[in-house]
């Protein structure tokens, strides 16, 4: 099992959630508000004047647990659905060694 983590601008939350809901094999995901800062923050097209003053940008972290074989197709599907040439965030994949319910 793998965890696909997306960090996207807060304004892209609904779009990313809608795209994930329409991908076969994605049975659920978690959305967590967060704030981000990086060297690229100054060139962020989504950044408001408030963001520039505060020094960080509102983001949403999206975690999706998937089978190993699903990772590539889900990432490719998400890439195709975005605005042409626009970057709305980053992604990374982590291994899940165990999981369960409490």
PDB file of N, CA and C in Angstrom:
ATOM      1  N   UNK A   1       0.849  -1.180   0.000  1.00  0.00           N
ATOM      2  CA  UNK A   1       0.000   0.000   0.000  1.00  0.00           C
ATOM      3  C   UNK A   1       0.887   1.234   0.000  1.00  0.00           C
ATOM      4  N   UNK A   2       0.352   2.305  -0.605  1.00  0.00           N
ATOM      5  CA  UNK A   2       1.056   3.574  -0.679  1.00  0.00           C
ATOM      6  C   UNK A   2       0.112   4.694  -0.247  1.00  0.00           C
ATOM      7  N   UNK A   3       0.711   5.789   0.217  1.00  0.00           N
ATOM      8  CA  UNK A   3      -0.057   6.999   0.506  1.00  0.00           C
ATOM      9  C   UNK A   3       0.408   8.061  -0.475  1.00  0.00           C
ATOM     10  N   UNK A   4      -0.498   8.505  -1.325  1.00  0.00           N
ATOM     11  CA  UNK A   4      -0.239   9.608  -2.231  1.00  0.00           C
ATOM     12  C   UNK A   4      -0.629  10.878  -1.487  1.00  0.00           C
ATOM     13  N   UNK A   5       0.327  11.774  -1.310  1.00  0.00           N
ATOM     14  CA  UNK A   5       0.074  13.042  -0.633  1.00  0.00           C
ATOM     15  C   UNK A   5       0.197  14.173  -1.639  1.00  0.00           C
ATOM     16  N   UNK A   6      -0.827  15.002  -1.684  1.00  0.00           N
ATOM     17  CA  UNK A   6      -0.846  16.186  -2.534  1.00  0.00           C
ATOM     18  C   UNK A   6      -0.852  17.404  -1.624  1.00  0.00           C
ATOM     19  N   UNK A   7      -0.068  18.401  -1.956  1.00  0.00           N
ATOM     20  CA  UNK A   7      -0.124  19.695  -1.271  1.00  0.00           C
ATOM     21  C   UNK A   7      -0.520  20.704  -2.347  1.00  0.00           C
ATOM     22  N   UNK A   8      -1.751  21.210  -2.259  1.00  0.00           N
ATOM     23  CA  UNK A   8      -2.274  22.094  -3.301  1.00  0.00           C
ATOM     24  C   UNK A   8      -2.725  23.414  -2.686  1.00  0.00           C
ATOM     25  N   UNK A   9      -2.811  24.437  -3.526  1.00  0.00           N
ATOM     26  CA  UNK A   9      -3.310  25.720  -3.056  1.00  0.00           C
ATOM     27  C   UNK A   9      -4.753  25.545  -2.600  1.00  0.00           C
ATOM     28  N   UNK A  10      -5.132  26.256  -1.550  1.00  0.00           N
ATOM     29  CA  UNK A  10      -6.475  26.124  -0.979  1.00  0.00           C
ATOM     30  C   UNK A  10      -7.569  26.357  -2.019  1.00  0.00           C
ATOM     31  N   UNK A  11      -7.323  27.220  -2.992  1.00  0.00           N
ATOM     32  CA  UNK A  11      -8.345  27.499  -4.004  1.00  0.00           C
ATOM     33  C   UNK A  11      -8.559  26.316  -4.955  1.00  0.00           C
ATOM     34  N   UNK A  12      -7.643  25.356  -4.960  1.00  0.00           N
ATOM     35  CA  UNK A  12      -7.773  24.182  -5.826  1.00  0.00           C
ATOM     36  C   UNK A  12      -8.428  23.002  -5.108  1.00  0.00           C
ATOM     37  N   UNK A  13      -8.788  23.182  -3.854  1.00  0.00           N
ATOM     38  CA  UNK A  13      -9.340  22.089  -3.037  1.00  0.00           C
ATOM     39  C   UNK A  13     -10.540  21.405  -3.701  1.00  0.00           C
ATOM     40  N   UNK A  14     -11.527  22.168  -4.090  1.00  0.00           N
ATOM     41  CA  UNK A  14     -12.756  21.587  -4.663  1.00  0.00           C
ATOM     42  C   UNK A  14     -12.457  20.847  -5.971  1.00  0.00           C
ATOM     43  N   UNK A  15     -11.635  21.452  -6.820  1.00  0.00           N
ATOM     44  CA  UNK A  15     -11.291  20.837  -8.098  1.00  0.00           C
ATOM     45  C   UNK A  15     -10.582  19.500  -7.894  1.00  0.00           C
ATOM     46  N   UNK A  16      -9.598  19.476  -7.008  1.00  0.00           N
ATOM     47  CA  UNK A  16      -8.852  18.237  -6.748  1.00  0.00           C
ATOM     48  C   UNK A  16      -9.772  17.183  -6.139  1.00  0.00           C
ATOM     49  N   UNK A  17     -10.614  17.580  -5.191  1.00  0.00           N
ATOM     50  CA  UNK A  17     -11.547  16.635  -4.575  1.00  0.00           C
ATOM     51  C   UNK A  17     -12.511  16.065  -5.613  1.00  0.00           C
ATOM     52  N   UNK A  18     -13.030  16.913  -6.490  1.00  0.00           N
ATOM     53  CA  UNK A  18     -13.940  16.443  -7.539  1.00  0.00           C
ATOM     54  C   UNK A  18     -13.243  15.456  -8.475  1.00  0.00           C
ATOM     55  N   UNK A  19     -11.995  15.768  -8.841  1.00  0.00           N
ATOM     56  CA  UNK A  19     -11.256  14.860  -9.726  1.00  0.00           C
ATOM     57  C   UNK A  19     -11.001  13.529  -9.048  1.00  0.00           C
ATOM     58  N   UNK A  20     -10.623  13.552  -7.771  1.00  0.00           N
ATOM     59  CA  UNK A  20     -10.369  12.297  -7.050  1.00  0.00           C
ATOM     60  C   UNK A  20     -11.637  11.443  -6.951  1.00  0.00           C
ATOM     61  N   UNK A  21     -12.790  12.097  -6.711  1.00  0.00           N
ATOM     62  CA  UNK A  21     -14.056  11.352  -6.604  1.00  0.00           C
ATOM     63  C   UNK A  21     -14.401  10.610  -7.895  1.00  0.00           C
ATOM     64  N   UNK A  22     -13.892  11.085  -9.024  1.00  0.00           N
ATOM     65  CA  UNK A  22     -14.216  10.491 -10.322  1.00  0.00           C
ATOM     66  C   UNK A  22     -13.173   9.504 -10.832  1.00  0.00           C
ATOM     67  N   UNK A  23     -12.167   9.200 -10.035  1.00  0.00           N
ATOM     68  CA  UNK A  23     -11.146   8.240 -10.443  1.00  0.00           C
ATOM     69  C   UNK A  23     -11.506   6.870  -9.881  1.00  0.00           C
ATOM     70  N   UNK A  24     -11.718   5.878 -10.758  1.00  0.00           N
ATOM     71  CA  UNK A  24     -12.014   4.529 -10.274  1.00  0.00           C
ATOM     72  C   UNK A  24     -10.890   4.023  -9.371  1.00  0.00           C
ATOM     73  N   UNK A  25     -11.252   3.381  -8.280  1.00  0.00           N
ATOM     74  CA  UNK A  25     -10.260   2.834  -7.368  1.00  0.00           C
ATOM     75  C   UNK A  25      -9.935   3.747  -6.203  1.00  0.00           C
ATOM     76  N   UNK A  26     -10.312   5.014  -6.297  1.00  0.00           N
ATOM     77  CA  UNK A  26     -10.108   5.926  -5.170  1.00  0.00           C
ATOM     78  C   UNK A  26     -11.375   5.859  -4.321  1.00  0.00           C
ATOM     79  N   UNK A  27     -11.260   5.194  -3.175  1.00  0.00           N
ATOM     80  CA  UNK A  27     -12.438   4.993  -2.337  1.00  0.00           C
ATOM     81  C   UNK A  27     -12.611   6.079  -1.282  1.00  0.00           C
ATOM     82  N   UNK A  28     -11.583   6.890  -1.078  1.00  0.00           N
ATOM     83  CA  UNK A  28     -11.671   7.975  -0.113  1.00  0.00           C
ATOM     84  C   UNK A  28     -10.357   8.724  -0.023  1.00  0.00           C
ATOM     85  N   UNK A  29     -10.399   9.849   0.656  1.00  0.00           N
ATOM     86  CA  UNK A  29      -9.201  10.662   0.837  1.00  0.00           C
ATOM     87  C   UNK A  29      -9.437  11.598   2.012  1.00  0.00           C
ATOM     88  N   UNK A  30      -8.355  12.171   2.518  1.00  0.00           N
ATOM     89  CA  UNK A  30      -8.417  13.078   3.655  1.00  0.00           C
ATOM     90  C   UNK A  30      -7.913  14.449   3.234  1.00  0.00           C
ATOM     91  N   UNK A  31      -8.627  15.492   3.636  1.00  0.00           N
ATOM     92  CA  UNK A  31      -8.246  16.877   3.354  1.00  0.00           C
ATOM     93  C   UNK A  31      -7.879  17.556   4.667  1.00  0.00           C
ATOM     94  N   UNK A  32      -6.713  18.192   4.702  1.00  0.00           N
ATOM     95  CA  UNK A  32      -6.250  18.869   5.911  1.00  0.00           C
ATOM     96  C   UNK A  32      -5.756  20.269   5.534  1.00  0.00           C
ATOM     97  N   UNK A  33      -6.314  21.336   6.136  1.00  0.00           N
ATOM     98  CA  UNK A  33      -5.799  22.673   5.843  1.00  0.00           C
ATOM     99  C   UNK A  33      -4.382  22.826   6.395  1.00  0.00           C
ATOM    100  N   UNK A  34      -3.537  23.516   5.663  1.00  0.00           N
ATOM    101  CA  UNK A  34      -2.168  23.771   6.111  1.00  0.00           C
ATOM    102  C   UNK A  34      -1.677  25.055   5.460  1.00  0.00           C
ATOM    103  N   UNK A  35      -0.481  25.472   5.809  1.00  0.00           N
ATOM    104  CA  UNK A  35       0.107  26.679   5.240  1.00  0.00           C
ATOM    105  C   UNK A  35       1.490  26.330   4.737  1.00  0.00           C
ATOM    106  N   UNK A  36       1.901  26.939   3.633  1.00  0.00           N
ATOM    107  CA  UNK A  36       3.184  26.588   3.065  1.00  0.00           C
ATOM    108  C   UNK A  36       4.028  27.800   2.722  1.00  0.00           C
ATOM    109  N   UNK A  37       5.317  27.571   2.752  1.00  0.00           N
ATOM    110  CA  UNK A  37       6.271  28.585   2.331  1.00  0.00           C
ATOM    111  C   UNK A  37       7.425  27.890   1.644  1.00  0.00           C
ATOM    112  N   UNK A  38       7.868  28.444   0.534  1.00  0.00           N
ATOM    113  CA  UNK A  38       9.031  27.893  -0.167  1.00  0.00           C
ATOM    114  C   UNK A  38       9.680  29.014  -0.966  1.00  0.00           C
ATOM    115  N   UNK A  39      10.807  28.701  -1.559  1.00  0.00           N
ATOM    116  CA  UNK A  39      11.488  29.687  -2.395  1.00  0.00           C
ATOM    117  C   UNK A  39      10.623  30.088  -3.581  1.00  0.00           C
ATOM    118  N   UNK A  40       9.725  29.201  -4.007  1.00  0.00           N
ATOM    119  CA  UNK A  40       8.857  29.473  -5.153  1.00  0.00           C
ATOM    120  C   UNK A  40       7.600  30.242  -4.772  1.00  0.00           C
ATOM    121  N   UNK A  41       7.371  30.448  -3.490  1.00  0.00           N
ATOM    122  CA  UNK A  41       6.155  31.117  -3.042  1.00  0.00           C
ATOM    123  C   UNK A  41       5.994  32.494  -3.678  1.00  0.00           C
ATOM    124  N   UNK A  42       7.089  33.187  -3.914  1.00  0.00           N
ATOM    125  CA  UNK A  42       7.008  34.538  -4.484  1.00  0.00           C
ATOM    126  C   UNK A  42       6.462  34.540  -5.903  1.00  0.00           C
ATOM    127  N   UNK A  43       6.615  33.428  -6.626  1.00  0.00           N
ATOM    128  CA  UNK A  43       6.109  33.363  -8.001  1.00  0.00           C
ATOM    129  C   UNK A  43       4.741  32.689  -8.081  1.00  0.00           C
ATOM    130  N   UNK A  44       4.148  32.374  -6.954  1.00  0.00           N
ATOM    131  CA  UNK A  44       2.881  31.660  -6.912  1.00  0.00           C
ATOM    132  C   UNK A  44       1.758  32.535  -7.457  1.00  0.00           C
ATOM    133  N   UNK A  45       1.144  32.098  -8.553  1.00  0.00           N
ATOM    134  CA  UNK A  45       0.069  32.874  -9.184  1.00  0.00           C
ATOM    135  C   UNK A  45      -1.166  32.983  -8.301  1.00  0.00           C
ATOM    136  N   UNK A  46      -1.337  32.038  -7.365  1.00  0.00           N
ATOM    137  CA  UNK A  46      -2.508  32.051  -6.491  1.00  0.00           C
ATOM    138  C   UNK A  46      -2.310  32.954  -5.274  1.00  0.00           C
ATOM    139  N   UNK A  47      -1.115  33.450  -5.071  1.00  0.00           N
ATOM    140  CA  UNK A  47      -0.788  34.196  -3.872  1.00  0.00           C
ATOM    141  C   UNK A  47      -1.460  35.564  -3.848  1.00  0.00           C
ATOM    142  N   UNK A  48      -2.101  35.874  -2.734  1.00  0.00           N
ATOM    143  CA  UNK A  48      -2.748  37.171  -2.567  1.00  0.00           C
ATOM    144  C   UNK A  48      -1.780  38.140  -1.892  1.00  0.00           C
ATOM    145  N   UNK A  49      -2.197  39.398  -1.788  1.00  0.00           N
ATOM    146  CA  UNK A  49      -1.387  40.393  -1.097  1.00  0.00           C
ATOM    147  C   UNK A  49      -1.196  39.964   0.361  1.00  0.00           C
ATOM    148  N   UNK A  50      -2.249  39.457   0.997  1.00  0.00           N
ATOM    149  CA  UNK A  50      -2.153  38.979   2.383  1.00  0.00           C
ATOM    150  C   UNK A  50      -1.100  37.895   2.504  1.00  0.00           C
ATOM    151  N   UNK A  51      -1.086  36.960   1.534  1.00  0.00           N
ATOM    152  CA  UNK A  51      -0.104  35.873   1.552  1.00  0.00           C
ATOM    153  C   UNK A  51       1.321  36.427   1.485  1.00  0.00           C
ATOM    154  N   UNK A  52       1.505  37.447   0.653  1.00  0.00           N
ATOM    155  CA  UNK A  52       2.848  38.040   0.515  1.00  0.00           C
ATOM    156  C   UNK A  52       3.297  38.702   1.813  1.00  0.00           C
ATOM    157  N   UNK A  53       2.361  39.368   2.488  1.00  0.00           N
ATOM    158  CA  UNK A  53       2.682  40.033   3.753  1.00  0.00           C
ATOM    159  C   UNK A  53       2.931  38.998   4.849  1.00  0.00           C
ATOM    160  N   UNK A  54       2.070  37.997   4.924  1.00  0.00           N
ATOM    161  CA  UNK A  54       2.195  36.964   5.957  1.00  0.00           C
ATOM    162  C   UNK A  54       3.433  36.100   5.737  1.00  0.00           C
ATOM    163  N   UNK A  55       3.794  35.856   4.490  1.00  0.00           N
ATOM    164  CA  UNK A  55       4.968  35.044   4.190  1.00  0.00           C
ATOM    165  C   UNK A  55       4.672  33.574   3.966  1.00  0.00           C
ATOM    166  N   UNK A  56       3.408  33.215   3.924  1.00  0.00           N
ATOM    167  CA  UNK A  56       3.025  31.845   3.631  1.00  0.00           C
ATOM    168  C   UNK A  56       1.724  31.843   2.832  1.00  0.00           C
ATOM    169  N   UNK A  57       1.422  30.698   2.247  1.00  0.00           N
ATOM    170  CA  UNK A  57       0.254  30.569   1.378  1.00  0.00           C
ATOM    171  C   UNK A  57      -0.659  29.486   1.939  1.00  0.00           C
ATOM    172  N   UNK A  58      -1.981  29.726   1.963  1.00  0.00           N
ATOM    173  CA  UNK A  58      -2.907  28.688   2.423  1.00  0.00           C
ATOM    174  C   UNK A  58      -2.896  27.504   1.461  1.00  0.00           C
ATOM    175  N   UNK A  59      -2.760  26.329   2.000  1.00  0.00           N
ATOM    176  CA  UNK A  59      -2.702  25.099   1.222  1.00  0.00           C
ATOM    177  C   UNK A  59      -3.661  24.074   1.822  1.00  0.00           C
ATOM    178  N   UNK A  60      -3.835  23.000   1.082  1.00  0.00           N
ATOM    179  CA  UNK A  60      -4.594  21.851   1.560  1.00  0.00           C
ATOM    180  C   UNK A  60      -3.739  20.618   1.308  1.00  0.00           C
ATOM    181  N   UNK A  61      -3.613  19.787   2.323  1.00  0.00           N
ATOM    182  CA  UNK A  61      -2.917  18.509   2.171  1.00  0.00           C
ATOM    183  C   UNK A  61      -3.992  17.455   1.923  1.00  0.00           C
ATOM    184  N   UNK A  62      -3.778  16.666   0.879  1.00  0.00           N
ATOM    185  CA  UNK A  62      -4.716  15.604   0.517  1.00  0.00           C
ATOM    186  C   UNK A  62      -3.958  14.281   0.598  1.00  0.00           C
ATOM    187  N   UNK A  63      -4.441  13.367   1.420  1.00  0.00           N
ATOM    188  CA  UNK A  63      -3.830  12.042   1.540  1.00  0.00           C
ATOM    189  C   UNK A  63      -4.786  11.003   0.965  1.00  0.00           C
ATOM    190  N   UNK A  64      -4.244  10.161   0.080  1.00  0.00           N
ATOM    191  CA  UNK A  64      -5.033   9.114  -0.563  1.00  0.00           C
ATOM    192  C   UNK A  64      -4.279   7.801  -0.403  1.00  0.00           C
ATOM    193  N   UNK A  65      -4.907   6.802   0.208  1.00  0.00           N
ATOM    194  CA  UNK A  65      -4.288   5.480   0.350  1.00  0.00           C
ATOM    195  C   UNK A  65      -4.692   4.643  -0.857  1.00  0.00           C
ATOM    196  N   UNK A  66      -3.685   4.100  -1.544  1.00  0.00           N
ATOM    197  CA  UNK A  66      -3.911   3.357  -2.785  1.00  0.00           C
ATOM    198  C   UNK A  66      -3.091   2.080  -2.816  1.00  0.00           C
ATOM    199  N   UNK A  67      -3.513   1.162  -3.640  1.00  0.00           N
ATOM    200  CA  UNK A  67      -2.694  -0.006  -3.943  1.00  0.00           C
ATOM    201  C   UNK A  67      -1.499   0.472  -4.762  1.00  0.00           C
ATOM    202  N   UNK A  68      -0.376  -0.201  -4.646  1.00  0.00           N
ATOM    203  CA  UNK A  68       0.841   0.200  -5.359  1.00  0.00           C
ATOM    204  C   UNK A  68       0.599   0.412  -6.855  1.00  0.00           C
ATOM    205  N   UNK A  69      -0.162  -0.485  -7.463  1.00  0.00           N
ATOM    206  CA  UNK A  69      -0.384  -0.442  -8.910  1.00  0.00           C
ATOM    207  C   UNK A  69      -1.234   0.756  -9.346  1.00  0.00           C
ATOM    208  N   UNK A  70      -1.935   1.396  -8.428  1.00  0.00           N
ATOM    209  CA  UNK A  70      -2.810   2.516  -8.776  1.00  0.00           C
ATOM    210  C   UNK A  70      -2.092   3.866  -8.811  1.00  0.00           C
ATOM    211  N   UNK A  71      -0.965   3.970  -8.154  1.00  0.00           N
ATOM    212  CA  UNK A  71      -0.306   5.262  -7.965  1.00  0.00           C
ATOM    213  C   UNK A  71      -0.079   6.007  -9.281  1.00  0.00           C
ATOM    214  N   UNK A  72       0.574   5.365 -10.230  1.00  0.00           N
ATOM    215  CA  UNK A  72       0.923   6.036 -11.486  1.00  0.00           C
ATOM    216  C   UNK A  72      -0.319   6.517 -12.231  1.00  0.00           C
ATOM    217  N   UNK A  73      -1.343   5.678 -12.332  1.00  0.00           N
ATOM    218  CA  UNK A  73      -2.537   6.080 -13.088  1.00  0.00           C
ATOM    219  C   UNK A  73      -3.285   7.216 -12.391  1.00  0.00           C
ATOM    220  N   UNK A  74      -3.334   7.219 -11.064  1.00  0.00           N
ATOM    221  CA  UNK A  74      -4.011   8.300 -10.348  1.00  0.00           C
ATOM    222  C   UNK A  74      -3.263   9.612 -10.542  1.00  0.00           C
ATOM    223  N   UNK A  75      -1.936   9.585 -10.435  1.00  0.00           N
ATOM    224  CA  UNK A  75      -1.141  10.797 -10.637  1.00  0.00           C
ATOM    225  C   UNK A  75      -1.322  11.325 -12.062  1.00  0.00           C
ATOM    226  N   UNK A  76      -1.273  10.435 -13.049  1.00  0.00           N
ATOM    227  CA  UNK A  76      -1.441  10.868 -14.441  1.00  0.00           C
ATOM    228  C   UNK A  76      -2.827  11.458 -14.672  1.00  0.00           C
ATOM    229  N   UNK A  77      -3.846  10.863 -14.087  1.00  0.00           N
ATOM    230  CA  UNK A  77      -5.212  11.384 -14.225  1.00  0.00           C
ATOM    231  C   UNK A  77      -5.324  12.773 -13.607  1.00  0.00           C
ATOM    232  N   UNK A  78      -4.725  12.964 -12.437  1.00  0.00           N
ATOM    233  CA  UNK A  78      -4.763  14.278 -11.794  1.00  0.00           C
ATOM    234  C   UNK A  78      -4.017  15.328 -12.617  1.00  0.00           C
ATOM    235  N   UNK A  79      -2.905  14.945 -13.208  1.00  0.00           N
ATOM    236  CA  UNK A  79      -2.132  15.881 -14.033  1.00  0.00           C
ATOM    237  C   UNK A  79      -2.918  16.319 -15.260  1.00  0.00           C
ATOM    238  N   UNK A  80      -3.666  15.411 -15.869  1.00  0.00           N
ATOM    239  CA  UNK A  80      -4.434  15.728 -17.072  1.00  0.00           C
ATOM    240  C   UNK A  80      -5.593  16.670 -16.797  1.00  0.00           C
ATOM    241  N   UNK A  81      -6.129  16.629 -15.590  1.00  0.00           N
ATOM    242  CA  UNK A  81      -7.325  17.405 -15.289  1.00  0.00           C
ATOM    243  C   UNK A  81      -7.087  18.852 -14.940  1.00  0.00           C
ATOM    244  N   UNK A  82      -5.826  19.257 -14.744  1.00  0.00           N
ATOM    245  CA  UNK A  82      -5.537  20.616 -14.318  1.00  0.00           C
ATOM    246  C   UNK A  82      -5.458  21.595 -15.466  1.00  0.00           C
ATOM    247  N   UNK A  83      -5.384  22.875 -15.117  1.00  0.00           N
ATOM    248  CA  UNK A  83      -5.242  23.901 -16.151  1.00  0.00           C
ATOM    249  C   UNK A  83      -3.926  23.711 -16.905  1.00  0.00           C
ATOM    250  N   UNK A  84      -3.954  23.882 -18.201  1.00  0.00           N
ATOM    251  CA  UNK A  84      -2.770  23.677 -19.041  1.00  0.00           C
ATOM    252  C   UNK A  84      -1.619  24.559 -18.589  1.00  0.00           C
ATOM    253  N   UNK A  85      -0.507  23.935 -18.233  1.00  0.00           N
ATOM    254  CA  UNK A  85       0.692  24.667 -17.853  1.00  0.00           C
ATOM    255  C   UNK A  85       0.682  25.249 -16.450  1.00  0.00           C
ATOM    256  N   UNK A  86      -0.450  25.195 -15.759  1.00  0.00           N
ATOM    257  CA  UNK A  86      -0.526  25.768 -14.411  1.00  0.00           C
ATOM    258  C   UNK A  86      -0.159  24.724 -13.364  1.00  0.00           C
ATOM    259  N   UNK A  87       0.639  25.132 -12.418  1.00  0.00           N
ATOM    260  CA  UNK A  87       0.990  24.251 -11.302  1.00  0.00           C
ATOM    261  C   UNK A  87       0.123  24.612 -10.117  1.00  0.00           C
ATOM    262  N   UNK A  88      -0.616  23.646  -9.601  1.00  0.00           N
ATOM    263  CA  UNK A  88      -1.470  23.926  -8.448  1.00  0.00           C
ATOM    264  C   UNK A  88      -0.894  23.343  -7.168  1.00  0.00           C
ATOM    265  N   UNK A  89       0.193  22.578  -7.272  1.00  0.00           N
ATOM    266  CA  UNK A  89       0.766  22.005  -6.064  1.00  0.00           C
ATOM    267  C   UNK A  89       1.833  20.973  -6.356  1.00  0.00           C
ATOM    268  N   UNK A  90       2.137  20.194  -5.321  1.00  0.00           N
ATOM    269  CA  UNK A  90       3.151  19.151  -5.413  1.00  0.00           C
ATOM    270  C   UNK A  90       2.558  17.830  -4.930  1.00  0.00           C
ATOM    271  N   UNK A  91       3.258  16.750  -5.188  1.00  0.00           N
ATOM    272  CA  UNK A  91       2.822  15.441  -4.696  1.00  0.00           C
ATOM    273  C   UNK A  91       4.041  14.619  -4.313  1.00  0.00           C
ATOM    274  N   UNK A  92       3.812  13.646  -3.436  1.00  0.00           N
ATOM    275  CA  UNK A  92       4.835  12.661  -3.092  1.00  0.00           C
ATOM    276  C   UNK A  92       4.156  11.389  -2.634  1.00  0.00           C
ATOM    277  N   UNK A  93       4.902  10.292  -2.658  1.00  0.00           N
ATOM    278  CA  UNK A  93       4.359   8.975  -2.319  1.00  0.00           C
ATOM    279  C   UNK A  93       5.160   8.391  -1.162  1.00  0.00           C
ATOM    280  N   UNK A  94       4.447   7.827  -0.191  1.00  0.00           N
ATOM    281  CA  UNK A  94       5.070   7.179   0.961  1.00  0.00           C
ATOM    282  C   UNK A  94       4.571   5.744   1.065  1.00  0.00           C
ATOM    283  N   UNK A  95       5.420   4.874   1.594  1.00  0.00           N
ATOM    284  CA  UNK A  95       5.012   3.498   1.845  1.00  0.00           C
ATOM    285  C   UNK A  95       4.149   3.424   3.102  1.00  0.00           C
ATOM    286  N   UNK A  96       3.165   2.554   3.065  1.00  0.00           N
ATOM    287  CA  UNK A  96       2.365   2.256   4.257  1.00  0.00           C
ATOM    288  C   UNK A  96       2.679   0.813   4.627  1.00  0.00           C
ATOM    289  N   UNK A  97       3.275   0.631   5.777  1.00  0.00           N
ATOM    290  CA  UNK A  97       3.672  -0.715   6.191  1.00  0.00           C
ATOM    291  C   UNK A  97       2.533  -1.473   6.852  1.00  0.00           C
ATOM    292  N   UNK A  98       1.667  -0.748   7.548  1.00  0.00           N
ATOM    293  CA  UNK A  98       0.515  -1.356   8.174  1.00  0.00           C
ATOM    294  C   UNK A  98      -0.605  -0.331   8.235  1.00  0.00           C
ATOM    295  N   UNK A  99      -1.837  -0.808   8.275  1.00  0.00           N
ATOM    296  CA  UNK A  99      -2.980   0.087   8.468  1.00  0.00           C
ATOM    297  C   UNK A  99      -4.121  -0.725   9.070  1.00  0.00           C
ATOM    298  N   UNK A 100      -5.110  -0.034   9.564  1.00  0.00           N
ATOM    299  CA  UNK A 100      -6.253  -0.708  10.178  1.00  0.00           C
ATOM    300  C   UNK A 100      -7.238   0.314  10.673  1.00  0.00           C
ATOM    301  N   UNK A 101      -8.212  -0.144  11.408  1.00  0.00           N
ATOM    302  CA  UNK A 101      -9.214   0.738  12.000  1.00  0.00           C
ATOM    303  C   UNK A 101      -9.115   0.663  13.518  1.00  0.00           C
ATOM    304  N   UNK A 102      -9.555   1.708  14.170  1.00  0.00           N
ATOM    305  CA  UNK A 102      -9.527   1.762  15.637  1.00  0.00           C
ATOM    306  C   UNK A 102     -10.943   1.731  16.174  1.00  0.00           C
TER     307      UNK A 102
END
